Amino acid sequence: MSSDETTVAGPTPARPDSPSHPHAADATGEGHAIVLGAGIAGLLATRVLADRFARVTLVERDEFAEDGGQTPGGTATRRGVPQARHLHGLLDRGRTAIEQLYPGFTSEMARRGASTAEVLIGTRWYVAGLRVATAETGLTSVMATRPLLEAVLRERTLTLPNVRLRSHTTAHGLVGTAHRVRGVVTVTDSENHTLAGDLVVDTTGRGSRAPEWLTRLGARAPQEERLEVDLGYTSRFYRRDPGEVGGPASIIISTGANGHGGGAIRVEDDRWHVTLAGMLGDHPPTDPAEFATFAAGLAGPDIHDIVTGCEPLGDPVPHRFRHSVRRRFDRQPVVPQGFLVLGDALCSFNPLYAQGMTVAAQQALALRDCLHVPDRELPVRFYAAAGAVVSAAWGLASSADLAHPGVVAPRNLRTRFTNAYVARAQRAAHLDPEVARTFLRVANLVDPPAALLSPRIARRILLHRNP
């Protein structure tokens, strides 16, 4: 077989299904992009690609109605997103990125029942055991369940005339060679099909099979970086009455020395969404009484007050996250044309820091800005741009994880200095509104970490004395 022949990197050959077969006449030059996975990253990628390609096909293994909904409100928890039952945070950098792609997103979320508030004024944050000082940050929090976030983005995306959703369809492999991907093998109701495309974008999440698929084509799989954190979290909904706990829209308590933390956000349908978290195998229980006891051990009383004072809606549900993983496509000497990886499939972060959706949104903007380059240059350009986005968030998250002594990983002098400095910044943020403002803007990926090292902020941090 010559190197120019197309091979199927899947379990069985797909049948030539006109017009989607790679050699079908109407596939050539048509400008067809395929996105695998209809989660947050997939929807954002689809939105960007719809401005560049004549057709975009969104492939999703979960089943949706023709309009993209699962229920009359379109907000059921999907089987393919088990973590959707747990608290999700959209950082302000992510919110503004989504606003660029979907103007009016924030106001639409509010109309659909999401809470919005300025960070540190309408919300409460606890770090290092104490509440962060109230300060104007210029940041807006949008608080809602993951199903509502997806529903709003999915509905907006599927109104685009050149976007088609293929639900109840699973991607099983790539079509092409080690140098050029030309499509994807899909399975629907146990029947294989080959879907041809000029660009395939994998947004199937941390369980992505892209490394295996590339190996089958004869290409190299990317190197991986992993950080074991063995995080467990347990979540439960509670009925909310206006005015509870002084009226904050959310309460975030970062993990302390014991690795315990939690969050409570005010979501649609007059509910509190409470998630408790524990690192290094010390996970929150699912027994309701033990769940309340775990909440009582957090740094602030606010979440425990909700757990013990509000009517529960359903049982506590658990989830486990063993490790963060980053796939280094940006270090590949050769990457195939016609194939990109985006979202958690590229880098899956410790969910404690709520970076996943925001980094996916930044990657989508990076993709948008790279689509003007020739096809042969697109993968290298995109992975360089996405790598810069990922590196900033990965550095913040991994440094925070390495502040826990039980996390097993090398710690160089820079890591030790960074964590010592951040600990001082957190203590200063308890009383100093200016430090609090800068700290939260960095945590929201709006300002770079270097903002905490500016002379004025560094002076306030280093001269701070604990009361």
Protein backbone atom coordinates (compact mmCIF):
# COMPACT_ATOMS: atom_id res chain seq x y z
CA MET A 1 0.00 0.00 0.00
CA SER A 2 1.44 3.39 -0.95
CA SER A 3 1.81 6.16 1.61
CA ASP A 4 -0.91 8.18 -0.17
CA GLU A 5 -3.59 5.56 0.28
CA THR A 6 -6.25 6.09 2.94
CA THR A 7 -6.47 3.59 5.78
CA VAL A 8 -9.08 3.23 8.50
CA ALA A 9 -7.71 3.47 12.04
CA GLY A 10 -10.71 1.78 13.57
CA PRO A 11 -11.77 -1.69 14.67
CA THR A 12 -13.45 -2.65 11.36
CA PRO A 13 -13.62 -1.10 7.89
CA ALA A 14 -16.48 1.34 7.40
CA ARG A 15 -18.84 1.00 4.50
CA PRO A 16 -18.69 3.70 1.79
CA ASP A 17 -21.76 5.71 2.70
CA SER A 18 -22.50 8.37 0.09
CA PRO A 19 -22.10 11.30 0.47
CA SER A 20 -19.87 10.89 3.52
CA HIS A 21 -17.31 8.49 2.07
CA PRO A 22 -13.83 10.07 1.70
CA HIS A 23 -13.92 9.62 -2.07
CA ALA A 24 -17.46 10.86 -2.60
CA ALA A 25 -17.52 13.60 -5.22
CA ASP A 26 -19.30 16.19 -3.11
CA ALA A 27 -16.78 15.90 -0.24
CA THR A 28 -13.90 17.44 -2.22
CA GLY A 29 -13.33 21.12 -1.58
CA GLU A 30 -16.58 21.45 0.27
CA GLY A 31 -15.06 22.71 3.47
CA HIS A 32 -16.36 20.19 5.98
CA ALA A 33 -15.26 20.19 9.63
CA ILE A 34 -16.13 17.42 12.09
CA VAL A 35 -16.20 17.94 15.85
CA LEU A 36 -16.19 14.91 18.13
CA GLY A 37 -18.04 15.53 21.40
CA ALA A 38 -20.91 17.95 22.08
CA GLY A 39 -19.78 19.12 25.51
CA ILE A 40 -18.66 22.65 26.32
CA ALA A 41 -15.40 22.39 24.35
CA GLY A 42 -17.12 20.77 21.37
CA LEU A 43 -19.84 23.39 21.19
CA LEU A 44 -17.34 26.24 21.38
CA ALA A 45 -15.16 24.65 18.70
CA THR A 46 -18.23 24.14 16.49
CA ARG A 47 -19.20 27.79 16.88
CA VAL A 48 -15.73 28.90 15.74
CA LEU A 49 -15.52 26.45 12.84
CA ALA A 50 -18.96 27.47 11.56
CA ASP A 51 -17.47 30.82 10.53
CA ARG A 52 -14.79 29.12 8.44
CA PHE A 53 -16.30 25.94 6.96
CA ALA A 54 -19.30 25.45 4.72
CA ARG A 55 -20.44 22.52 6.89
CA VAL A 56 -19.74 21.49 10.47
CA THR A 57 -20.88 18.12 11.79
CA LEU A 58 -21.06 17.67 15.56
CA VAL A 59 -20.76 14.00 16.55
CA GLU A 60 -22.03 13.01 20.02
CA ARG A 61 -22.53 9.57 21.53
CA ASP A 62 -25.37 10.72 23.82
CA GLU A 63 -28.80 11.01 22.26
CA PHE A 64 -30.53 14.33 21.75
CA ALA A 65 -33.80 15.36 20.18
CA GLU A 66 -33.62 17.04 16.78
CA ASP A 67 -33.46 20.47 18.40
CA GLY A 68 -30.58 19.38 20.63
CA GLY A 69 -32.67 19.01 23.77
CA GLN A 70 -33.12 15.98 26.01
CA THR A 71 -36.09 17.23 28.02
CA PRO A 72 -38.55 20.09 27.44
CA GLY A 73 -35.92 22.37 29.02
CA GLY A 74 -33.00 20.55 27.47
CA THR A 75 -31.19 20.45 30.79
CA ALA A 76 -31.04 16.79 31.84
CA THR A 77 -27.73 15.42 33.08
CA ARG A 78 -26.12 13.52 30.23
CA ARG A 79 -24.81 10.01 30.68
CA GLY A 80 -21.57 10.98 28.95
CA VAL A 81 -20.88 13.75 31.48
CA PRO A 82 -21.13 12.13 34.93
CA GLN A 83 -19.34 15.10 36.49
CA ALA A 84 -22.28 17.28 35.40
CA ARG A 85 -23.97 16.36 38.68
CA HIS A 86 -21.30 18.34 40.50
CA LEU A 87 -20.54 22.02 40.92
CA HIS A 88 -19.04 23.75 37.88
CA GLY A 89 -17.37 27.12 37.95
CA LEU A 90 -17.01 29.43 34.97
CA LEU A 91 -14.16 31.86 35.59
CA ASP A 92 -14.54 35.41 34.33
CA ARG A 93 -11.94 34.90 31.59
CA GLY A 94 -14.07 32.07 30.27
CA ARG A 95 -17.27 34.08 30.54
CA THR A 96 -15.88 36.94 28.48
CA ALA A 97 -14.47 34.51 25.89
CA ILE A 98 -17.90 32.90 25.51
CA GLU A 99 -19.48 36.35 25.23
CA GLN A 100 -17.27 36.99 22.20
CA LEU A 101 -18.62 33.88 20.51
CA TYR A 102 -22.20 34.14 21.77
CA PRO A 103 -23.08 37.81 22.39
CA GLY A 104 -25.60 38.15 25.22
CA PHE A 105 -24.57 34.86 26.83
CA THR A 106 -24.41 36.28 30.38
CA SER A 107 -27.82 37.94 30.21
CA GLU A 108 -29.34 34.85 28.62
CA MET A 109 -28.01 32.67 31.42
CA ALA A 110 -29.54 35.06 33.94
CA ARG A 111 -32.90 34.89 32.15
CA ARG A 112 -32.74 31.10 32.36
CA GLY A 113 -32.27 31.18 36.13
CA ALA A 114 -28.51 31.41 36.62
CA SER A 115 -27.15 33.69 39.33
CA THR A 116 -24.71 36.46 38.47
CA ALA A 117 -22.65 38.50 40.90
CA GLU A 118 -19.45 40.47 41.12
CA VAL A 119 -16.69 38.38 42.61
CA LEU A 120 -15.88 39.26 46.27
CA ILE A 121 -18.99 41.45 46.56
CA GLY A 122 -21.82 39.07 45.74
CA THR A 123 -19.84 35.94 46.57
CA ARG A 124 -17.69 34.70 49.46
CA TRP A 125 -14.25 33.18 49.12
CA TYR A 126 -12.20 31.47 51.81
CA VAL A 127 -8.51 30.70 51.32
CA ALA A 128 -5.98 29.50 53.86
CA GLY A 129 -8.73 29.15 56.44
CA LEU A 130 -10.09 32.72 56.39
CA ARG A 131 -12.47 34.76 54.28
CA VAL A 132 -10.94 36.95 51.56
CA ALA A 133 -11.55 40.68 52.01
CA THR A 134 -14.44 42.32 50.15
CA ALA A 135 -13.21 44.28 47.12
CA GLU A 136 -14.31 45.45 43.70
CA THR A 137 -12.66 43.17 41.16
CA GLY A 138 -14.38 44.00 37.88
CA LEU A 139 -15.15 40.27 37.56
CA THR A 140 -18.54 38.66 37.08
CA SER A 141 -19.45 35.18 38.24
CA VAL A 142 -22.12 33.23 36.38
CA MET A 143 -23.42 30.38 38.53
CA ALA A 144 -25.50 27.58 37.06
CA THR A 145 -25.55 23.83 36.68
CA ARG A 146 -23.49 22.22 33.93
CA PRO A 147 -26.65 21.01 32.12
CA LEU A 148 -27.98 24.57 31.86
CA LEU A 149 -24.65 25.88 30.59
CA GLU A 150 -24.57 23.17 27.93
CA ALA A 151 -28.21 23.67 26.98
CA VAL A 152 -27.79 27.40 26.34
CA LEU A 153 -24.63 26.89 24.26
CA ARG A 154 -26.10 23.92 22.41
CA GLU A 155 -29.28 25.77 21.48
CA ARG A 156 -27.32 28.78 20.22
CA THR A 157 -24.91 26.58 18.28
CA LEU A 158 -27.57 24.49 16.58
CA THR A 159 -29.31 27.59 15.23
CA LEU A 160 -26.33 28.08 12.90
CA PRO A 161 -27.50 27.03 9.43
CA ASN A 162 -24.34 25.11 8.51
CA VAL A 163 -24.16 23.03 11.71
CA ARG A 164 -25.57 19.52 11.90
CA LEU A 165 -25.74 17.38 15.05
CA ARG A 166 -25.32 13.62 14.79
CA SER A 167 -26.28 12.33 18.22
CA HIS A 168 -26.28 8.72 19.39
CA THR A 169 -23.11 8.33 17.29
CA THR A 170 -19.72 7.19 18.58
CA ALA A 171 -16.34 7.95 17.00
CA HIS A 172 -14.26 4.78 16.68
CA GLY A 173 -11.18 5.87 14.75
CA LEU A 174 -9.59 8.20 12.25
CA VAL A 175 -9.36 7.87 8.50
CA GLY A 176 -6.18 8.88 6.70
CA THR A 177 -2.42 8.48 6.97
CA ALA A 178 0.25 9.44 9.47
CA HIS A 179 0.56 12.77 7.65
CA ARG A 180 -3.06 13.66 6.88
CA VAL A 181 -6.35 12.86 8.59
CA ARG A 182 -9.29 12.83 6.18
CA GLY A 183 -12.21 11.78 8.29
CA VAL A 184 -13.52 9.65 11.11
CA VAL A 185 -15.11 6.24 11.57
CA THR A 186 -18.43 6.46 13.40
CA VAL A 187 -20.81 3.85 14.76
CA THR A 188 -24.57 4.29 15.07
CA ASP A 189 -26.75 1.38 16.18
CA SER A 190 -23.86 -1.07 15.64
CA GLU A 191 -23.45 0.07 12.03
CA ASN A 192 -20.15 1.59 10.86
CA HIS A 193 -19.93 4.67 8.66
CA THR A 194 -17.06 6.75 7.35
CA LEU A 195 -17.54 10.51 7.65
CA ALA A 196 -15.11 12.48 5.49
CA GLY A 197 -13.88 15.90 6.55
CA ASP A 198 -11.24 18.51 5.86
CA LEU A 199 -10.67 18.96 9.59
CA VAL A 200 -11.47 16.68 12.54
CA VAL A 201 -11.42 18.21 16.04
CA ASP A 202 -11.41 15.85 19.03
CA THR A 203 -13.17 17.30 22.10
CA THR A 204 -14.14 13.97 23.67
CA GLY A 205 -12.62 14.81 27.04
CA ARG A 206 -10.01 13.26 29.28
CA GLY A 207 -10.93 9.79 28.01
CA SER A 208 -9.98 10.75 24.45
CA ARG A 209 -8.62 7.90 22.35
CA ALA A 210 -6.65 10.26 20.11
CA PRO A 211 -3.25 8.81 21.13
CA GLU A 212 -4.41 5.31 20.19
CA TRP A 213 -6.00 6.48 16.94
CA LEU A 214 -2.86 8.33 15.87
CA THR A 215 -0.71 5.30 16.63
CA ARG A 216 -2.92 3.17 14.40
CA LEU A 217 -2.30 5.60 11.56
CA GLY A 218 1.45 5.30 12.09
CA ALA A 219 1.76 8.73 13.74
CA ARG A 220 3.35 9.30 17.14
CA ALA A 221 1.21 9.63 20.23
CA PRO A 222 1.97 12.73 22.32
CA GLN A 223 3.91 12.60 25.56
CA GLU A 224 1.79 12.97 28.69
CA GLU A 225 2.38 14.80 31.96
CA ARG A 226 0.40 13.57 34.96
CA LEU A 227 -0.07 14.76 38.49
CA GLU A 228 -1.78 12.37 40.90
CA VAL A 229 -4.17 14.09 43.31
CA ASP A 230 -6.79 11.37 43.98
CA LEU A 231 -9.56 13.93 44.42
CA GLY A 232 -13.04 12.85 45.41
CA TYR A 233 -16.11 15.00 45.60
CA THR A 234 -19.69 14.51 46.68
CA SER A 235 -22.58 16.78 45.73
CA ARG A 236 -26.14 17.39 46.75
CA PHE A 237 -28.88 19.88 45.89
CA TYR A 238 -30.87 21.80 48.52
CA ARG A 239 -33.96 23.96 48.32
CA ARG A 240 -33.11 27.62 48.68
CA ASP A 241 -35.07 30.44 50.30
CA PRO A 242 -34.20 34.07 49.45
CA GLY A 243 -31.99 35.70 52.08
CA GLU A 244 -30.20 32.56 53.24
CA VAL A 245 -26.66 32.98 54.62
CA GLY A 246 -26.79 36.73 54.16
CA GLY A 247 -27.58 36.46 50.47
CA PRO A 248 -24.32 35.45 48.71
CA ALA A 249 -24.64 33.91 45.27
CA SER A 250 -21.83 31.48 46.00
CA ILE A 251 -19.50 30.35 48.77
CA ILE A 252 -16.13 28.89 47.84
CA ILE A 253 -13.88 27.35 50.49
CA SER A 254 -10.50 26.31 49.09
CA THR A 255 -8.85 23.13 50.29
CA GLY A 256 -6.95 23.60 53.51
CA ALA A 257 -4.01 21.72 54.98
CA ASN A 258 -6.18 18.62 55.38
CA GLY A 259 -7.13 18.68 51.69
CA HIS A 260 -10.81 19.39 52.44
CA GLY A 261 -12.77 22.08 50.62
CA GLY A 262 -16.16 22.80 49.17
CA GLY A 263 -18.45 25.12 47.33
CA ALA A 264 -22.09 26.14 47.27
CA ILE A 265 -23.63 28.06 44.39
CA ARG A 266 -27.09 29.44 43.88
CA VAL A 267 -28.46 27.83 40.72
CA GLU A 268 -31.65 27.76 38.71
CA ASP A 269 -34.97 26.61 40.19
CA ASP A 270 -34.25 28.14 43.62
CA ARG A 271 -31.62 25.59 44.59
CA TRP A 272 -28.25 25.45 46.28
CA HIS A 273 -25.76 23.18 44.57
CA VAL A 274 -23.30 21.99 47.21
CA THR A 275 -20.10 20.08 46.45
CA LEU A 276 -17.64 18.87 49.09
CA ALA A 277 -14.15 17.79 48.07
CA GLY A 278 -11.22 15.91 49.55
CA MET A 279 -7.78 15.18 48.12
CA LEU A 280 -5.38 12.25 48.38
CA GLY A 281 -8.02 9.60 49.01
CA ASP A 282 -9.72 11.42 51.89
CA HIS A 283 -13.05 11.77 50.10
CA PRO A 284 -16.36 13.21 51.32
CA PRO A 285 -18.90 10.55 52.34
CA THR A 286 -22.26 9.95 50.69
CA ASP A 287 -24.09 9.18 53.94
CA PRO A 288 -26.17 12.33 54.67
CA ALA A 289 -25.18 12.58 58.33
CA GLU A 290 -21.48 12.06 57.54
CA PHE A 291 -21.79 14.52 54.66
CA ALA A 292 -22.93 17.16 57.15
CA THR A 293 -20.09 16.28 59.52
CA PHE A 294 -17.57 16.71 56.69
CA ALA A 295 -19.07 20.13 55.90
CA ALA A 296 -18.74 21.14 59.56
CA GLY A 297 -14.97 20.67 59.28
CA LEU A 298 -14.52 23.26 56.54
CA ALA A 299 -12.83 26.58 57.23
CA GLY A 300 -16.05 28.62 57.16
CA PRO A 301 -19.50 27.80 58.59
CA ASP A 302 -21.51 28.90 55.55
CA ILE A 303 -21.74 25.62 53.66
CA HIS A 304 -22.50 23.65 56.81
CA ASP A 305 -25.34 26.08 57.52
CA ILE A 306 -26.86 25.27 54.12
CA VAL A 307 -26.42 21.52 54.55
CA THR A 308 -28.08 21.48 57.97
CA GLY A 309 -30.62 24.24 57.46
CA CYS A 310 -32.08 23.60 54.01
CA GLU A 311 -34.28 20.87 52.63
CA PRO A 312 -32.23 18.32 50.66
CA LEU A 313 -33.31 17.51 47.11
CA GLY A 314 -32.06 14.02 46.34
CA ASP A 315 -29.20 12.00 47.77
CA PRO A 316 -25.49 12.91 47.81
CA VAL A 317 -23.67 11.62 44.71
CA PRO A 318 -19.91 10.96 44.45
CA HIS A 319 -17.28 11.37 41.76
CA ARG A 320 -13.56 10.61 41.65
CA PHE A 321 -10.75 12.38 39.80
CA ARG A 322 -7.44 10.57 40.10
CA HIS A 323 -5.00 12.74 38.20
CA SER A 324 -4.53 15.80 36.04
CA VAL A 325 -3.15 15.01 32.60
CA ARG A 326 -1.63 17.16 29.88
CA ARG A 327 -1.00 15.77 26.39
CA ARG A 328 1.95 17.57 24.84
CA PHE A 329 0.88 17.95 21.23
CA ASP A 330 2.81 21.23 21.31
CA ARG A 331 6.04 19.21 21.58
CA GLN A 332 5.34 16.82 18.74
CA PRO A 333 7.99 17.07 16.00
CA VAL A 334 5.34 16.14 13.40
CA VAL A 335 1.57 16.37 13.79
CA PRO A 336 -0.87 15.18 11.11
CA GLN A 337 -2.73 17.77 9.11
CA GLY A 338 -6.47 17.77 9.37
CA PHE A 339 -6.69 16.80 13.05
CA LEU A 340 -6.70 18.82 16.27
CA VAL A 341 -7.36 18.06 19.94
CA LEU A 342 -9.06 20.64 22.16
CA GLY A 343 -10.46 20.92 25.71
CA ASP A 344 -9.99 18.19 28.31
CA ALA A 345 -8.72 15.90 25.56
CA LEU A 346 -5.71 18.23 25.39
CA CYS A 347 -5.38 19.01 29.11
CA SER A 348 -7.56 17.89 32.01
CA PHE A 349 -7.15 20.03 35.12
CA ASN A 350 -7.84 19.37 38.78
CA PRO A 351 -11.50 20.51 38.96
CA LEU A 352 -10.91 22.21 42.31
CA TYR A 353 -9.67 25.26 40.44
CA ALA A 354 -12.58 25.52 37.96
CA GLN A 355 -10.25 26.05 35.00
CA GLY A 356 -11.55 23.49 32.52
CA MET A 357 -14.38 25.38 30.81
CA THR A 358 -12.44 28.64 30.81
CA VAL A 359 -9.34 27.12 29.23
CA ALA A 360 -11.55 25.38 26.64
CA ALA A 361 -13.06 28.77 25.76
CA GLN A 362 -9.59 30.30 25.42
CA GLN A 363 -8.53 27.42 23.18
CA ALA A 364 -11.59 28.01 21.00
CA LEU A 365 -10.54 31.63 20.54
CA ALA A 366 -7.01 30.46 19.73
CA LEU A 367 -8.45 28.14 17.09
CA ARG A 368 -10.50 30.98 15.62
CA ASP A 369 -7.39 33.12 15.33
CA CYS A 370 -5.45 30.35 13.58
CA LEU A 371 -8.00 29.34 10.96
CA HIS A 372 -6.67 31.78 8.38
CA VAL A 373 -3.36 29.94 8.00
CA PRO A 374 -2.75 27.23 5.36
CA ASP A 375 -3.91 23.74 6.34
CA ARG A 376 -0.36 22.45 6.65
CA GLU A 377 0.44 25.13 9.25
CA LEU A 378 -2.75 24.91 11.30
CA PRO A 379 -1.78 22.15 13.78
CA VAL A 380 1.56 23.71 14.73
CA ARG A 381 0.07 27.21 15.00
CA PHE A 382 -2.90 26.02 17.05
CA TYR A 383 -0.89 23.88 19.49
CA ALA A 384 1.54 26.74 20.06
CA ALA A 385 -1.30 29.16 20.84
CA ALA A 386 -3.27 26.63 22.88
CA GLY A 387 -0.09 25.58 24.68
CA ALA A 388 0.45 29.09 25.97
CA VAL A 389 -3.09 29.14 27.35
CA VAL A 390 -2.73 25.71 28.92
CA SER A 391 0.69 26.45 30.41
CA ALA A 392 -0.59 29.44 32.36
CA ALA A 393 -3.47 27.49 33.91
CA TRP A 394 -1.42 24.30 34.39
CA GLY A 395 1.24 26.26 36.27
CA LEU A 396 -1.30 27.74 38.67
CA ALA A 397 -3.07 24.43 39.27
CA SER A 398 0.02 22.27 39.66
CA SER A 399 1.63 24.76 42.04
CA ALA A 400 -1.51 24.71 44.18
CA ASP A 401 -1.54 20.90 44.14
CA LEU A 402 2.12 20.74 45.09
CA ALA A 403 1.40 22.93 48.12
CA HIS A 404 -0.13 19.76 49.61
CA PRO A 405 2.76 17.68 51.03
CA GLY A 406 1.01 14.42 50.24
CA VAL A 407 1.06 15.03 46.48
CA VAL A 408 4.00 12.98 45.22
CA ALA A 409 6.00 14.93 42.62
CA PRO A 410 9.37 16.70 42.38
CA ARG A 411 9.49 20.19 43.83
CA ASN A 412 12.25 22.48 42.61
CA LEU A 413 13.37 25.71 44.19
CA ARG A 414 11.03 27.75 42.02
CA THR A 415 8.02 25.69 43.14
CA ARG A 416 8.94 26.10 46.80
CA PHE A 417 9.42 29.85 46.40
CA THR A 418 6.14 30.22 44.49
CA ASN A 419 4.12 28.34 47.08
CA ALA A 420 5.69 30.27 49.96
CA TYR A 421 4.89 33.55 48.22
CA VAL A 422 1.33 32.51 47.36
CA ALA A 423 0.76 31.53 51.00
CA ARG A 424 1.80 35.06 52.04
CA ALA A 425 -0.46 36.54 49.35
CA GLN A 426 -3.40 34.52 50.65
CA ARG A 427 -2.84 35.73 54.20
CA ALA A 428 -2.59 39.33 53.00
CA ALA A 429 -5.78 38.91 50.96
CA HIS A 430 -7.75 38.31 54.16
CA LEU A 431 -7.36 41.97 55.17
CA ASP A 432 -6.01 43.88 52.16
CA PRO A 433 -8.66 44.57 49.48
CA GLU A 434 -6.05 45.44 46.85
CA VAL A 435 -4.23 42.15 47.31
CA ALA A 436 -7.59 40.34 47.38
CA ARG A 437 -8.57 41.97 44.09
CA THR A 438 -5.31 40.99 42.38
CA PHE A 439 -5.39 37.47 43.78
CA LEU A 440 -8.90 36.80 42.45
CA ARG A 441 -8.13 38.33 39.06
CA VAL A 442 -5.18 35.95 38.73
CA ALA A 443 -7.29 33.01 39.91
CA ASN A 444 -9.89 33.91 37.28
CA LEU A 445 -7.18 33.82 34.59
CA VAL A 446 -7.88 37.47 33.76
CA ASP A 447 -4.51 38.81 34.96
CA PRO A 448 -1.24 36.86 34.62
CA PRO A 449 0.43 35.42 37.73
CA ALA A 450 3.08 38.13 37.34
CA ALA A 451 0.46 40.64 38.56
CA LEU A 452 1.10 39.36 42.10
CA LEU A 453 4.78 40.26 41.64
CA SER A 454 4.26 43.88 40.62
CA PRO A 455 6.22 46.18 42.96
CA ARG A 456 3.15 47.71 44.59
CA ILE A 457 1.37 44.39 45.22
CA ALA A 458 4.57 42.59 46.24
CA ARG A 459 5.25 45.31 48.81
CA ARG A 460 1.79 44.92 50.30
CA ILE A 461 2.18 41.14 50.42
CA LEU A 462 5.66 41.08 51.89
CA LEU A 463 5.01 43.81 54.46
CA HIS A 464 1.74 42.25 55.62
CA ARG A 465 1.69 41.06 59.21
CA ASN A 466 -0.82 38.57 60.54
CA PRO A 467 -3.13 40.12 63.14
